[in-house]
């Protein structure tokens, strides 16, 4: 899986990049053939410091995306990964049901 991390209007630290990489790689247990993962980090409001994380996954035949906002990037990334977990589980159950 190729993971591309983009940070808008700031430079992401290596520790944040390592955390994001570990979180996104944990999605491989739900679907084996994830091709690409694009992670976009940005600020919604400079005054309130609301951090936004968006992840777009490419799976053969589908493109899954999720977005979340929180006060810290780690929390927003974790919430986004949880949303993608639900989407991957649903996709897998649909494929299993179609085979039957």
C-alpha atoms as a PDB file:
ATOM      1  CA  UNK A   1       0.000   0.000   0.000  1.00  0.00           C
ATOM      2  CA  UNK A   2       1.284   3.440  -0.934  1.00  0.00           C
ATOM      3  CA  UNK A   3       0.680   6.081   1.732  1.00  0.00           C
ATOM      4  CA  UNK A   4       0.932   9.727   0.736  1.00  0.00           C
ATOM      5  CA  UNK A   5       0.711  12.360   3.497  1.00  0.00           C
ATOM      6  CA  UNK A   6      -0.032  15.974   2.568  1.00  0.00           C
ATOM      7  CA  UNK A   7      -0.059  18.781   5.122  1.00  0.00           C
ATOM      8  CA  UNK A   8      -1.576  22.070   4.076  1.00  0.00           C
ATOM      9  CA  UNK A   9      -0.156  25.359   5.381  1.00  0.00           C
ATOM     10  CA  UNK A  10       2.221  23.674   7.845  1.00  0.00           C
ATOM     11  CA  UNK A  11       4.994  21.083   7.988  1.00  0.00           C
ATOM     12  CA  UNK A  12       4.066  17.818   9.694  1.00  0.00           C
ATOM     13  CA  UNK A  13       6.535  16.410  12.224  1.00  0.00           C
ATOM     14  CA  UNK A  14       8.058  12.970  11.740  1.00  0.00           C
ATOM     15  CA  UNK A  15       6.310  11.655  14.856  1.00  0.00           C
ATOM     16  CA  UNK A  16       2.928  12.645  13.391  1.00  0.00           C
ATOM     17  CA  UNK A  17       3.823  11.016  10.065  1.00  0.00           C
ATOM     18  CA  UNK A  18       4.842   7.797  11.852  1.00  0.00           C
ATOM     19  CA  UNK A  19       1.569   7.783  13.802  1.00  0.00           C
ATOM     20  CA  UNK A  20      -0.471   8.272  10.614  1.00  0.00           C
ATOM     21  CA  UNK A  21       1.450   5.539   8.798  1.00  0.00           C
ATOM     22  CA  UNK A  22       0.825   3.072  11.636  1.00  0.00           C
ATOM     23  CA  UNK A  23      -2.886   3.933  11.802  1.00  0.00           C
ATOM     24  CA  UNK A  24      -3.418   3.604   8.052  1.00  0.00           C
ATOM     25  CA  UNK A  25      -1.465   0.347   7.866  1.00  0.00           C
ATOM     26  CA  UNK A  26      -3.770  -1.086  10.537  1.00  0.00           C
ATOM     27  CA  UNK A  27      -6.555  -0.928   7.923  1.00  0.00           C
ATOM     28  CA  UNK A  28      -4.876  -3.754   6.000  1.00  0.00           C
ATOM     29  CA  UNK A  29      -6.346  -6.295   8.426  1.00  0.00           C
ATOM     30  CA  UNK A  30      -9.827  -5.436   7.125  1.00  0.00           C
ATOM     31  CA  UNK A  31      -8.984  -5.503   3.397  1.00  0.00           C
ATOM     32  CA  UNK A  32      -5.866  -7.071   1.900  1.00  0.00           C
ATOM     33  CA  UNK A  33      -5.790  -5.286  -1.424  1.00  0.00           C
ATOM     34  CA  UNK A  34      -5.703  -1.583  -0.531  1.00  0.00           C
ATOM     35  CA  UNK A  35      -3.800   0.119  -3.348  1.00  0.00           C
ATOM     36  CA  UNK A  36      -3.300   3.724  -2.210  1.00  0.00           C
ATOM     37  CA  UNK A  37      -3.993   5.873   0.815  1.00  0.00           C
ATOM     38  CA  UNK A  38      -3.941   9.660   0.534  1.00  0.00           C
ATOM     39  CA  UNK A  39      -3.957  11.560   3.838  1.00  0.00           C
ATOM     40  CA  UNK A  40      -4.606  15.318   3.838  1.00  0.00           C
ATOM     41  CA  UNK A  41      -4.064  17.311   7.043  1.00  0.00           C
ATOM     42  CA  UNK A  42      -5.247  20.908   7.352  1.00  0.00           C
ATOM     43  CA  UNK A  43      -6.465  23.603   9.721  1.00  0.00           C
ATOM     44  CA  UNK A  44     -10.115  24.635   9.510  1.00  0.00           C
ATOM     45  CA  UNK A  45      -9.851  27.799  11.598  1.00  0.00           C
ATOM     46  CA  UNK A  46      -6.576  29.377  12.630  1.00  0.00           C
ATOM     47  CA  UNK A  47      -8.141  31.044  15.677  1.00  0.00           C
ATOM     48  CA  UNK A  48      -9.875  27.962  17.078  1.00  0.00           C
ATOM     49  CA  UNK A  49      -7.109  25.606  15.909  1.00  0.00           C
ATOM     50  CA  UNK A  50      -9.484  22.913  14.664  1.00  0.00           C
ATOM     51  CA  UNK A  51      -7.490  20.245  12.870  1.00  0.00           C
ATOM     52  CA  UNK A  52      -8.977  18.345   9.960  1.00  0.00           C
ATOM     53  CA  UNK A  53      -7.880  14.955   8.611  1.00  0.00           C
ATOM     54  CA  UNK A  54      -9.125  13.419   5.384  1.00  0.00           C
ATOM     55  CA  UNK A  55      -8.169   9.962   4.141  1.00  0.00           C
ATOM     56  CA  UNK A  56      -8.958   8.584   0.686  1.00  0.00           C
ATOM     57  CA  UNK A  57      -8.415   4.859   0.111  1.00  0.00           C
ATOM     58  CA  UNK A  58      -8.242   3.181  -3.273  1.00  0.00           C
ATOM     59  CA  UNK A  59      -9.508  -0.379  -3.248  1.00  0.00           C
ATOM     60  CA  UNK A  60      -9.971  -2.338  -6.483  1.00  0.00           C
ATOM     61  CA  UNK A  61     -13.301  -1.165  -7.891  1.00  0.00           C
ATOM     62  CA  UNK A  62     -13.985   1.414  -5.154  1.00  0.00           C
ATOM     63  CA  UNK A  63     -12.714   4.654  -3.681  1.00  0.00           C
ATOM     64  CA  UNK A  64     -13.457   5.121   0.011  1.00  0.00           C
ATOM     65  CA  UNK A  65     -13.087   8.420   1.822  1.00  0.00           C
ATOM     66  CA  UNK A  66     -13.620   9.748   5.316  1.00  0.00           C
ATOM     67  CA  UNK A  67     -13.040  13.048   7.070  1.00  0.00           C
ATOM     68  CA  UNK A  68     -12.929  14.139  10.696  1.00  0.00           C
ATOM     69  CA  UNK A  69     -12.147  17.243  12.735  1.00  0.00           C
ATOM     70  CA  UNK A  70     -10.794  17.499  16.276  1.00  0.00           C
ATOM     71  CA  UNK A  71      -8.536  19.597  18.480  1.00  0.00           C
ATOM     72  CA  UNK A  72      -5.512  17.385  17.769  1.00  0.00           C
ATOM     73  CA  UNK A  73      -4.333  15.665  14.596  1.00  0.00           C
ATOM     74  CA  UNK A  74      -3.906  12.287  16.316  1.00  0.00           C
ATOM     75  CA  UNK A  75      -7.533  12.290  17.457  1.00  0.00           C
ATOM     76  CA  UNK A  76      -8.874  13.360  14.064  1.00  0.00           C
ATOM     77  CA  UNK A  77      -6.774  10.731  12.270  1.00  0.00           C
ATOM     78  CA  UNK A  78      -7.957   8.009  14.676  1.00  0.00           C
ATOM     79  CA  UNK A  79     -11.606   8.963  14.143  1.00  0.00           C
ATOM     80  CA  UNK A  80     -11.127   8.950  10.385  1.00  0.00           C
ATOM     81  CA  UNK A  81      -9.502   5.509  10.485  1.00  0.00           C
ATOM     82  CA  UNK A  82     -12.441   4.187  12.534  1.00  0.00           C
ATOM     83  CA  UNK A  83     -14.845   5.488   9.891  1.00  0.00           C
ATOM     84  CA  UNK A  84     -12.846   3.748   7.169  1.00  0.00           C
ATOM     85  CA  UNK A  85     -12.827   0.513   9.186  1.00  0.00           C
ATOM     86  CA  UNK A  86     -16.626   0.522   9.164  1.00  0.00           C
ATOM     87  CA  UNK A  87     -16.670   1.184   5.419  1.00  0.00           C
ATOM     88  CA  UNK A  88     -14.202  -1.639   4.724  1.00  0.00           C
ATOM     89  CA  UNK A  89     -16.185  -4.088   6.881  1.00  0.00           C
ATOM     90  CA  UNK A  90     -19.378  -3.171   5.037  1.00  0.00           C
ATOM     91  CA  UNK A  91     -17.663  -3.571   1.665  1.00  0.00           C
ATOM     92  CA  UNK A  92     -16.351  -6.989   2.656  1.00  0.00           C
ATOM     93  CA  UNK A  93     -19.779  -8.207   3.845  1.00  0.00           C
ATOM     94  CA  UNK A  94     -21.325  -7.033   0.566  1.00  0.00           C
ATOM     95  CA  UNK A  95     -18.742  -9.009  -1.407  1.00  0.00           C
ATOM     96  CA  UNK A  96     -19.354 -12.124   0.691  1.00  0.00           C
ATOM     97  CA  UNK A  97     -23.127 -11.785   0.304  1.00  0.00           C
ATOM     98  CA  UNK A  98     -22.789 -11.357  -3.472  1.00  0.00           C
ATOM     99  CA  UNK A  99     -20.820 -14.596  -3.747  1.00  0.00           C
ATOM    100  CA  UNK A 100     -23.581 -16.559  -2.004  1.00  0.00           C
END
